[in-house]
């Protein structure tokens, strides 16, 4: 990332921030993930790079923002993703937006709305060519179902997610 910044290579810097944010979200270090995802969001905003199909960063950003209690920022990213996905007719981005929305509802304690959004995300992901994102939606669905005390459906979603991750 430092090399990209030193040479002014915005694309390489974006790619590095994508990887760094993903790694920290995956490791559960939300403070570090928040720093990378905030820098990524700001860099994309500064360069007016707004097409959501180019880089799928929003899911990691929402996870990071929720992980550090930045609900407003998570909501802002999700609303913008919905708007772009609908305007540009991008089903994969709609699926990602539905997952982000579900995670926000789960974070806020509204498990009914969380489950509705996450089921919708998985359904939309069924038609996408994004297996990792589909597995992440299944994982979020399984976690929400566990919180809602839906043991058997949670187990099925988590097992399916594990199969894809494996």
N, C-alpha and C. Protein backbone atom coordinates (compact mmCIF):
# COMPACT_ATOMS: atom_id res chain seq x y z
N UNK A 1 0.84 -1.20 0.00
CA UNK A 1 0.00 0.00 0.00
C UNK A 1 0.88 1.25 0.00
N UNK A 2 1.94 1.23 0.81
CA UNK A 2 2.83 2.39 0.85
C UNK A 2 3.45 2.65 -0.52
N UNK A 3 3.82 1.59 -1.23
CA UNK A 3 4.38 1.76 -2.57
C UNK A 3 3.36 2.37 -3.52
N UNK A 4 2.12 1.91 -3.41
CA UNK A 4 1.06 2.45 -4.26
C UNK A 4 0.84 3.93 -3.97
N UNK A 5 0.82 4.28 -2.70
CA UNK A 5 0.65 5.68 -2.33
C UNK A 5 1.82 6.52 -2.83
N UNK A 6 3.03 5.99 -2.69
CA UNK A 6 4.23 6.75 -3.09
C UNK A 6 4.25 7.01 -4.59
N UNK A 7 3.72 6.08 -5.37
CA UNK A 7 3.73 6.24 -6.82
C UNK A 7 2.43 6.81 -7.36
N UNK A 8 1.45 7.01 -6.47
CA UNK A 8 0.16 7.56 -6.90
C UNK A 8 -0.69 6.55 -7.66
N UNK A 9 -0.43 5.26 -7.44
CA UNK A 9 -1.17 4.20 -8.12
C UNK A 9 -2.44 3.87 -7.33
N UNK A 10 -3.53 4.56 -7.67
CA UNK A 10 -4.78 4.43 -6.93
C UNK A 10 -5.35 3.01 -7.05
N UNK A 11 -5.27 2.42 -8.22
CA UNK A 11 -5.83 1.07 -8.41
C UNK A 11 -5.12 0.07 -7.50
N UNK A 12 -3.80 0.13 -7.44
CA UNK A 12 -3.05 -0.79 -6.60
C UNK A 12 -3.33 -0.53 -5.12
N UNK A 13 -3.51 0.74 -4.76
CA UNK A 13 -3.84 1.06 -3.38
C UNK A 13 -5.22 0.50 -3.01
N UNK A 14 -6.19 0.66 -3.91
CA UNK A 14 -7.52 0.10 -3.67
C UNK A 14 -7.43 -1.41 -3.50
N UNK A 15 -6.70 -2.08 -4.38
CA UNK A 15 -6.58 -3.54 -4.29
C UNK A 15 -5.95 -3.98 -2.97
N UNK A 16 -4.94 -3.24 -2.52
CA UNK A 16 -4.31 -3.56 -1.25
C UNK A 16 -5.27 -3.34 -0.08
N UNK A 17 -6.00 -2.24 -0.11
CA UNK A 17 -6.97 -1.98 0.96
C UNK A 17 -8.06 -3.04 0.99
N UNK A 18 -8.49 -3.50 -0.18
CA UNK A 18 -9.48 -4.58 -0.24
C UNK A 18 -8.98 -5.82 0.49
N UNK A 19 -7.75 -6.21 0.19
CA UNK A 19 -7.18 -7.41 0.80
C UNK A 19 -6.97 -7.20 2.30
N UNK A 20 -6.41 -6.07 2.68
CA UNK A 20 -6.15 -5.81 4.10
C UNK A 20 -7.45 -5.77 4.91
N UNK A 21 -8.48 -5.13 4.37
CA UNK A 21 -9.77 -5.09 5.07
C UNK A 21 -10.38 -6.47 5.21
N UNK A 22 -10.33 -7.25 4.13
CA UNK A 22 -10.87 -8.61 4.15
C UNK A 22 -10.16 -9.46 5.20
N UNK A 23 -8.83 -9.37 5.23
CA UNK A 23 -8.05 -10.16 6.19
C UNK A 23 -8.44 -9.80 7.62
N UNK A 24 -8.54 -8.52 7.91
CA UNK A 24 -8.84 -8.11 9.28
C UNK A 24 -10.28 -8.45 9.68
N UNK A 25 -11.23 -8.32 8.75
CA UNK A 25 -12.60 -8.75 9.06
C UNK A 25 -12.61 -10.25 9.31
N UNK A 26 -11.93 -11.00 8.47
CA UNK A 26 -11.88 -12.46 8.62
C UNK A 26 -11.23 -12.87 9.93
N UNK A 27 -10.24 -12.10 10.39
CA UNK A 27 -9.55 -12.40 11.64
C UNK A 27 -10.31 -11.87 12.86
N UNK A 28 -11.34 -11.06 12.62
CA UNK A 28 -12.11 -10.50 13.71
C UNK A 28 -11.48 -9.28 14.36
N UNK A 29 -10.49 -8.68 13.72
CA UNK A 29 -9.87 -7.45 14.25
C UNK A 29 -10.59 -6.27 13.61
N UNK A 30 -11.71 -5.90 14.20
CA UNK A 30 -12.57 -4.88 13.61
C UNK A 30 -11.99 -3.47 13.71
N UNK A 31 -11.15 -3.23 14.69
CA UNK A 31 -10.50 -1.91 14.76
C UNK A 31 -9.60 -1.71 13.55
N UNK A 32 -8.77 -2.70 13.25
CA UNK A 32 -7.89 -2.60 12.07
C UNK A 32 -8.72 -2.60 10.80
N UNK A 33 -9.73 -3.45 10.74
CA UNK A 33 -10.59 -3.51 9.55
C UNK A 33 -11.27 -2.17 9.32
N UNK A 34 -11.71 -1.54 10.39
CA UNK A 34 -12.36 -0.23 10.27
C UNK A 34 -11.41 0.79 9.64
N UNK A 35 -10.16 0.78 10.07
CA UNK A 35 -9.19 1.74 9.50
C UNK A 35 -9.02 1.50 8.00
N UNK A 36 -8.88 0.24 7.59
CA UNK A 36 -8.69 -0.05 6.17
C UNK A 36 -9.96 0.24 5.36
N UNK A 37 -11.10 -0.16 5.88
CA UNK A 37 -12.35 0.04 5.15
C UNK A 37 -12.72 1.52 5.06
N UNK A 38 -12.43 2.28 6.10
CA UNK A 38 -12.67 3.73 6.04
C UNK A 38 -11.77 4.38 5.01
N UNK A 39 -10.50 3.97 5.00
CA UNK A 39 -9.56 4.51 4.01
C UNK A 39 -10.00 4.14 2.60
N UNK A 40 -10.49 2.92 2.42
CA UNK A 40 -10.96 2.47 1.11
C UNK A 40 -12.18 3.27 0.67
N UNK A 41 -13.14 3.42 1.56
CA UNK A 41 -14.34 4.19 1.23
C UNK A 41 -13.97 5.62 0.85
N UNK A 42 -13.09 6.23 1.63
CA UNK A 42 -12.68 7.61 1.36
C UNK A 42 -11.94 7.72 0.03
N UNK A 43 -11.08 6.75 -0.26
CA UNK A 43 -10.33 6.77 -1.52
C UNK A 43 -11.28 6.61 -2.72
N UNK A 44 -12.22 5.70 -2.62
CA UNK A 44 -13.19 5.51 -3.71
C UNK A 44 -14.06 6.75 -3.88
N UNK A 45 -14.44 7.39 -2.78
CA UNK A 45 -15.23 8.62 -2.86
C UNK A 45 -14.42 9.75 -3.52
N UNK A 46 -13.16 9.88 -3.11
CA UNK A 46 -12.30 10.94 -3.66
C UNK A 46 -12.08 10.79 -5.15
N UNK A 47 -12.02 9.56 -5.61
CA UNK A 47 -11.76 9.32 -7.03
C UNK A 47 -13.05 9.16 -7.83
N UNK A 48 -14.20 9.31 -7.16
CA UNK A 48 -15.52 9.15 -7.80
C UNK A 48 -15.66 7.79 -8.48
N UNK A 49 -15.08 6.79 -7.87
CA UNK A 49 -15.13 5.44 -8.40
C UNK A 49 -16.35 4.76 -7.79
N UNK A 50 -17.49 4.91 -8.40
CA UNK A 50 -18.71 4.51 -7.75
C UNK A 50 -19.39 3.24 -8.22
N UNK A 51 -18.86 2.54 -9.21
CA UNK A 51 -19.55 1.36 -9.69
C UNK A 51 -19.36 0.21 -8.72
N UNK A 52 -20.45 -0.28 -8.12
CA UNK A 52 -20.31 -1.30 -7.07
C UNK A 52 -19.92 -2.67 -7.60
N UNK A 53 -20.01 -2.90 -8.89
CA UNK A 53 -19.64 -4.20 -9.43
C UNK A 53 -18.15 -4.37 -9.64
N UNK A 54 -17.39 -3.27 -9.57
CA UNK A 54 -15.95 -3.35 -9.79
C UNK A 54 -15.26 -4.02 -8.61
N UNK A 55 -15.52 -3.53 -7.43
CA UNK A 55 -14.94 -4.09 -6.20
C UNK A 55 -16.08 -4.34 -5.24
N UNK A 56 -16.11 -5.53 -4.68
CA UNK A 56 -17.15 -5.87 -3.69
C UNK A 56 -16.58 -5.62 -2.29
N UNK A 57 -16.50 -4.36 -1.92
CA UNK A 57 -15.90 -3.97 -0.64
C UNK A 57 -16.95 -3.72 0.43
N UNK A 58 -18.19 -3.51 0.03
CA UNK A 58 -19.21 -3.05 0.97
C UNK A 58 -19.49 -4.06 2.09
N UNK A 59 -19.47 -5.35 1.77
CA UNK A 59 -19.73 -6.36 2.80
C UNK A 59 -18.70 -6.32 3.91
N UNK A 60 -17.43 -6.20 3.54
CA UNK A 60 -16.38 -6.10 4.56
C UNK A 60 -16.50 -4.79 5.32
N UNK A 61 -16.84 -3.72 4.63
CA UNK A 61 -16.97 -2.42 5.29
C UNK A 61 -18.09 -2.46 6.32
N UNK A 62 -19.24 -3.01 5.96
CA UNK A 62 -20.35 -3.07 6.90
C UNK A 62 -19.98 -3.92 8.11
N UNK A 63 -19.33 -5.06 7.87
CA UNK A 63 -18.90 -5.90 8.99
C UNK A 63 -17.95 -5.14 9.91
N UNK A 64 -17.00 -4.42 9.31
CA UNK A 64 -16.03 -3.65 10.11
C UNK A 64 -16.73 -2.53 10.86
N UNK A 65 -17.60 -1.80 10.18
CA UNK A 65 -18.28 -0.67 10.82
C UNK A 65 -19.16 -1.16 11.98
N UNK A 66 -19.87 -2.27 11.77
CA UNK A 66 -20.68 -2.81 12.86
C UNK A 66 -19.80 -3.32 13.99
N UNK A 67 -18.66 -3.89 13.64
CA UNK A 67 -17.75 -4.43 14.64
C UNK A 67 -17.20 -3.39 15.60
N UNK A 68 -17.16 -2.13 15.15
CA UNK A 68 -16.70 -1.05 16.04
C UNK A 68 -17.84 -0.12 16.45
N UNK A 69 -19.07 -0.57 16.18
CA UNK A 69 -20.24 0.20 16.64
C UNK A 69 -20.59 1.41 15.80
N UNK A 70 -20.17 1.44 14.56
CA UNK A 70 -20.47 2.57 13.66
C UNK A 70 -21.69 2.23 12.81
N UNK A 71 -22.82 2.14 13.46
CA UNK A 71 -24.07 1.75 12.79
C UNK A 71 -24.45 2.71 11.68
N UNK A 72 -24.29 4.01 11.91
CA UNK A 72 -24.65 5.00 10.89
C UNK A 72 -23.82 4.81 9.61
N UNK A 73 -22.53 4.55 9.77
CA UNK A 73 -21.68 4.35 8.60
C UNK A 73 -22.06 3.07 7.86
N UNK A 74 -22.37 2.01 8.60
CA UNK A 74 -22.80 0.76 7.98
C UNK A 74 -24.10 0.98 7.19
N UNK A 75 -25.00 1.72 7.79
CA UNK A 75 -26.28 2.01 7.14
C UNK A 75 -26.07 2.86 5.87
N UNK A 76 -25.18 3.82 5.95
CA UNK A 76 -24.90 4.69 4.80
C UNK A 76 -24.33 3.89 3.62
N UNK A 77 -23.39 3.00 3.90
CA UNK A 77 -22.80 2.16 2.84
C UNK A 77 -23.88 1.28 2.22
N UNK A 78 -24.74 0.70 3.06
CA UNK A 78 -25.78 -0.20 2.58
C UNK A 78 -26.81 0.54 1.72
N UNK A 79 -27.24 1.70 2.17
CA UNK A 79 -28.21 2.48 1.38
C UNK A 79 -27.64 2.85 0.01
N UNK A 80 -26.41 3.25 0.01
CA UNK A 80 -25.76 3.63 -1.26
C UNK A 80 -25.63 2.41 -2.18
N UNK A 81 -25.30 1.26 -1.60
CA UNK A 81 -25.19 0.04 -2.39
C UNK A 81 -26.54 -0.35 -2.99
N UNK A 82 -27.61 -0.27 -2.19
CA UNK A 82 -28.95 -0.56 -2.71
C UNK A 82 -29.28 0.36 -3.88
N UNK A 83 -29.04 1.65 -3.70
CA UNK A 83 -29.37 2.62 -4.74
C UNK A 83 -28.62 2.30 -6.03
N UNK A 84 -27.34 2.03 -5.92
CA UNK A 84 -26.54 1.73 -7.11
C UNK A 84 -26.95 0.40 -7.74
N UNK A 85 -27.18 -0.60 -6.92
CA UNK A 85 -27.56 -1.92 -7.44
C UNK A 85 -28.89 -1.85 -8.18
N UNK A 86 -29.83 -1.10 -7.65
CA UNK A 86 -31.13 -0.95 -8.32
C UNK A 86 -31.01 -0.11 -9.59
N UNK A 87 -30.29 0.99 -9.50
CA UNK A 87 -30.14 1.88 -10.66
C UNK A 87 -29.42 1.18 -11.81
N UNK A 88 -28.43 0.36 -11.49
CA UNK A 88 -27.63 -0.30 -12.52
C UNK A 88 -28.07 -1.74 -12.81
N UNK A 89 -29.11 -2.19 -12.10
CA UNK A 89 -29.65 -3.54 -12.26
C UNK A 89 -28.56 -4.60 -12.08
N UNK A 90 -27.98 -4.62 -10.88
CA UNK A 90 -26.90 -5.55 -10.56
C UNK A 90 -27.37 -6.55 -9.49
N UNK A 91 -27.81 -7.74 -9.90
CA UNK A 91 -28.35 -8.71 -8.93
C UNK A 91 -27.35 -9.11 -7.84
N UNK A 92 -26.08 -9.29 -8.19
CA UNK A 92 -25.09 -9.67 -7.18
C UNK A 92 -24.92 -8.59 -6.13
N UNK A 93 -25.00 -7.35 -6.55
CA UNK A 93 -24.89 -6.23 -5.60
C UNK A 93 -26.15 -6.11 -4.75
N UNK A 94 -27.30 -6.46 -5.32
CA UNK A 94 -28.53 -6.49 -4.51
C UNK A 94 -28.42 -7.54 -3.42
N UNK A 95 -27.86 -8.69 -3.79
CA UNK A 95 -27.68 -9.77 -2.81
C UNK A 95 -26.75 -9.33 -1.69
N UNK A 96 -25.68 -8.64 -2.06
CA UNK A 96 -24.75 -8.13 -1.06
C UNK A 96 -25.42 -7.08 -0.18
N UNK A 97 -26.21 -6.20 -0.79
CA UNK A 97 -26.92 -5.17 -0.03
C UNK A 97 -27.91 -5.81 0.95
N UNK A 98 -28.58 -6.87 0.51
CA UNK A 98 -29.52 -7.56 1.39
C UNK A 98 -28.78 -8.17 2.59
N UNK A 99 -27.58 -8.73 2.35
CA UNK A 99 -26.80 -9.27 3.47
C UNK A 99 -26.39 -8.15 4.43
N UNK A 100 -25.91 -7.06 3.88
CA UNK A 100 -25.51 -5.92 4.72
C UNK A 100 -26.70 -5.44 5.56
N UNK A 101 -27.85 -5.32 4.91
CA UNK A 101 -29.07 -4.89 5.60
C UNK A 101 -29.42 -5.87 6.72
N UNK A 102 -29.32 -7.17 6.42
CA UNK A 102 -29.60 -8.18 7.43
C UNK A 102 -28.66 -8.10 8.62
N UNK A 103 -27.40 -7.86 8.35
CA UNK A 103 -26.44 -7.75 9.44
C UNK A 103 -26.71 -6.50 10.29
N UNK A 104 -27.13 -5.43 9.66
CA UNK A 104 -27.48 -4.22 10.41
C UNK A 104 -28.68 -4.49 11.31
N UNK A 105 -29.71 -5.15 10.76
CA UNK A 105 -30.89 -5.47 11.57
C UNK A 105 -30.51 -6.40 12.73
N UNK A 106 -29.66 -7.38 12.45
CA UNK A 106 -29.23 -8.30 13.52
C UNK A 106 -28.46 -7.54 14.60
N UNK A 107 -27.59 -6.66 14.17
CA UNK A 107 -26.81 -5.85 15.11
C UNK A 107 -27.73 -5.00 15.98
N UNK A 108 -28.83 -4.53 15.40
CA UNK A 108 -29.79 -3.68 16.12
C UNK A 108 -30.79 -4.49 16.94
N UNK A 109 -30.73 -5.82 16.81
CA UNK A 109 -31.61 -6.68 17.59
C UNK A 109 -32.94 -7.01 16.93
N UNK A 110 -33.15 -6.59 15.70
CA UNK A 110 -34.39 -6.88 14.99
C UNK A 110 -34.20 -8.16 14.17
N UNK A 111 -34.33 -9.29 14.86
CA UNK A 111 -34.03 -10.58 14.22
C UNK A 111 -35.02 -10.94 13.12
N UNK A 112 -36.27 -10.54 13.25
CA UNK A 112 -37.26 -10.83 12.20
C UNK A 112 -36.83 -10.19 10.88
N UNK A 113 -36.54 -8.90 10.91
CA UNK A 113 -36.10 -8.22 9.69
C UNK A 113 -34.74 -8.73 9.23
N UNK A 114 -33.87 -9.06 10.17
CA UNK A 114 -32.55 -9.61 9.80
C UNK A 114 -32.73 -10.91 9.03
N UNK A 115 -33.57 -11.79 9.54
CA UNK A 115 -33.77 -13.09 8.87
C UNK A 115 -34.39 -12.90 7.49
N UNK A 116 -35.36 -12.00 7.38
CA UNK A 116 -35.98 -11.74 6.07
C UNK A 116 -34.93 -11.26 5.06
N UNK A 117 -34.09 -10.32 5.48
CA UNK A 117 -33.07 -9.78 4.57
C UNK A 117 -32.03 -10.84 4.22
N UNK A 118 -31.62 -11.63 5.19
CA UNK A 118 -30.58 -12.63 4.94
C UNK A 118 -31.08 -13.78 4.08
N UNK A 119 -32.32 -14.19 4.27
CA UNK A 119 -32.91 -15.21 3.39
C UNK A 119 -32.97 -14.67 1.97
N UNK A 120 -33.38 -13.41 1.84
CA UNK A 120 -33.44 -12.76 0.53
C UNK A 120 -32.04 -12.72 -0.10
N UNK A 121 -31.03 -12.41 0.68
CA UNK A 121 -29.66 -12.36 0.19
C UNK A 121 -29.23 -13.72 -0.36
N UNK A 122 -29.48 -14.77 0.40
CA UNK A 122 -29.10 -16.12 -0.05
C UNK A 122 -29.85 -16.49 -1.32
N UNK A 123 -31.14 -16.15 -1.38
CA UNK A 123 -31.91 -16.45 -2.60
C UNK A 123 -31.32 -15.72 -3.81
N UNK A 124 -30.98 -14.46 -3.64
CA UNK A 124 -30.37 -13.71 -4.74
C UNK A 124 -29.00 -14.27 -5.10
N UNK A 125 -28.26 -14.73 -4.11
CA UNK A 125 -26.93 -15.29 -4.35
C UNK A 125 -27.00 -16.62 -5.09
N UNK A 126 -28.13 -17.31 -5.00
CA UNK A 126 -28.26 -18.59 -5.70
C UNK A 126 -28.03 -18.44 -7.19
N UNK A 127 -28.35 -17.28 -7.73
CA UNK A 127 -28.20 -17.04 -9.17
C UNK A 127 -26.90 -16.31 -9.52
N UNK A 128 -26.07 -16.05 -8.54
CA UNK A 128 -24.86 -15.30 -8.81
C UNK A 128 -23.67 -16.24 -8.98
N UNK A 129 -22.61 -15.68 -9.46
CA UNK A 129 -21.37 -16.43 -9.59
C UNK A 129 -20.36 -15.95 -8.56
N UNK A 130 -20.85 -15.78 -7.34
CA UNK A 130 -20.02 -15.29 -6.23
C UNK A 130 -20.11 -16.28 -5.07
N UNK A 131 -19.49 -17.46 -5.19
CA UNK A 131 -19.66 -18.48 -4.15
C UNK A 131 -19.19 -18.05 -2.77
N UNK A 132 -18.11 -17.30 -2.68
CA UNK A 132 -17.65 -16.86 -1.37
C UNK A 132 -18.66 -15.91 -0.73
N UNK A 133 -19.21 -15.00 -1.52
CA UNK A 133 -20.20 -14.08 -0.98
C UNK A 133 -21.48 -14.82 -0.58
N UNK A 134 -21.84 -15.85 -1.34
CA UNK A 134 -23.01 -16.66 -0.98
C UNK A 134 -22.77 -17.36 0.36
N UNK A 135 -21.57 -17.91 0.52
CA UNK A 135 -21.24 -18.58 1.78
C UNK A 135 -21.26 -17.59 2.94
N UNK A 136 -20.80 -16.39 2.70
CA UNK A 136 -20.82 -15.38 3.76
C UNK A 136 -22.26 -15.01 4.11
N UNK A 137 -23.15 -14.99 3.12
CA UNK A 137 -24.57 -14.73 3.41
C UNK A 137 -25.16 -15.89 4.20
N UNK A 138 -24.79 -17.11 3.85
CA UNK A 138 -25.26 -18.29 4.60
C UNK A 138 -24.74 -18.24 6.04
N UNK A 139 -23.50 -17.85 6.22
CA UNK A 139 -22.93 -17.74 7.57
C UNK A 139 -23.71 -16.71 8.38
N UNK A 140 -23.97 -15.55 7.80
CA UNK A 140 -24.73 -14.51 8.51
C UNK A 140 -26.14 -15.01 8.82
N UNK A 141 -26.75 -15.73 7.89
CA UNK A 141 -28.09 -16.28 8.12
C UNK A 141 -28.06 -17.30 9.25
N UNK A 142 -27.07 -18.18 9.22
CA UNK A 142 -26.95 -19.18 10.29
C UNK A 142 -26.77 -18.55 11.66
N UNK A 143 -25.96 -17.52 11.71
CA UNK A 143 -25.73 -16.82 12.99
C UNK A 143 -27.01 -16.15 13.48
N UNK A 144 -27.74 -15.52 12.57
CA UNK A 144 -29.00 -14.87 12.96
C UNK A 144 -30.03 -15.90 13.41
N UNK A 145 -30.07 -17.03 12.71
CA UNK A 145 -31.00 -18.09 13.12
C UNK A 145 -30.64 -18.65 14.49
N UNK A 146 -29.36 -18.76 14.78
CA UNK A 146 -28.95 -19.21 16.12
C UNK A 146 -29.43 -18.22 17.18
N UNK A 147 -29.26 -16.92 16.90
CA UNK A 147 -29.71 -15.91 17.86
C UNK A 147 -31.23 -15.96 18.04
N UNK A 148 -31.94 -16.35 16.97
CA UNK A 148 -33.40 -16.45 17.03
C UNK A 148 -33.85 -17.81 17.57
N UNK A 149 -32.91 -18.62 18.00
CA UNK A 149 -33.16 -19.95 18.57
C UNK A 149 -33.80 -20.91 17.57
N UNK A 150 -33.44 -20.76 16.30
CA UNK A 150 -33.89 -21.67 15.25
C UNK A 150 -32.75 -22.66 14.97
N UNK A 151 -32.63 -23.63 15.86
CA UNK A 151 -31.44 -24.49 15.87
C UNK A 151 -31.24 -25.29 14.58
N UNK A 152 -32.23 -26.02 14.15
CA UNK A 152 -32.06 -26.87 12.96
C UNK A 152 -31.82 -26.03 11.69
N UNK A 153 -32.62 -24.97 11.44
CA UNK A 153 -32.34 -24.15 10.26
C UNK A 153 -30.97 -23.47 10.34
N UNK A 154 -30.55 -23.09 11.55
CA UNK A 154 -29.22 -22.48 11.71
C UNK A 154 -28.15 -23.49 11.35
N UNK A 155 -28.29 -24.70 11.84
CA UNK A 155 -27.31 -25.75 11.56
C UNK A 155 -27.20 -26.01 10.06
N UNK A 156 -28.33 -26.03 9.36
CA UNK A 156 -28.30 -26.28 7.90
C UNK A 156 -27.57 -25.14 7.17
N UNK A 157 -27.89 -23.90 7.53
CA UNK A 157 -27.23 -22.76 6.87
C UNK A 157 -25.74 -22.76 7.15
N UNK A 158 -25.36 -23.04 8.39
CA UNK A 158 -23.94 -23.03 8.76
C UNK A 158 -23.19 -24.19 8.09
N UNK A 159 -23.84 -25.34 7.99
CA UNK A 159 -23.20 -26.48 7.33
C UNK A 159 -23.00 -26.21 5.85
N UNK A 160 -23.99 -25.59 5.22
CA UNK A 160 -23.86 -25.26 3.80
C UNK A 160 -22.76 -24.22 3.58
N UNK A 161 -22.69 -23.23 4.48
CA UNK A 161 -21.63 -22.23 4.39
C UNK A 161 -20.26 -22.89 4.53
N UNK A 162 -20.14 -23.80 5.48
CA UNK A 162 -18.87 -24.50 5.68
C UNK A 162 -18.46 -25.29 4.44
N UNK A 163 -19.43 -25.95 3.81
CA UNK A 163 -19.13 -26.70 2.57
C UNK A 163 -18.54 -25.79 1.49
N UNK A 164 -19.15 -24.63 1.33
CA UNK A 164 -18.66 -23.69 0.32
C UNK A 164 -17.29 -23.15 0.71
N UNK A 165 -17.13 -22.78 1.96
CA UNK A 165 -15.83 -22.26 2.41
C UNK A 165 -14.74 -23.31 2.23
N UNK A 166 -15.07 -24.56 2.54
CA UNK A 166 -14.09 -25.64 2.39
C UNK A 166 -13.72 -25.84 0.94
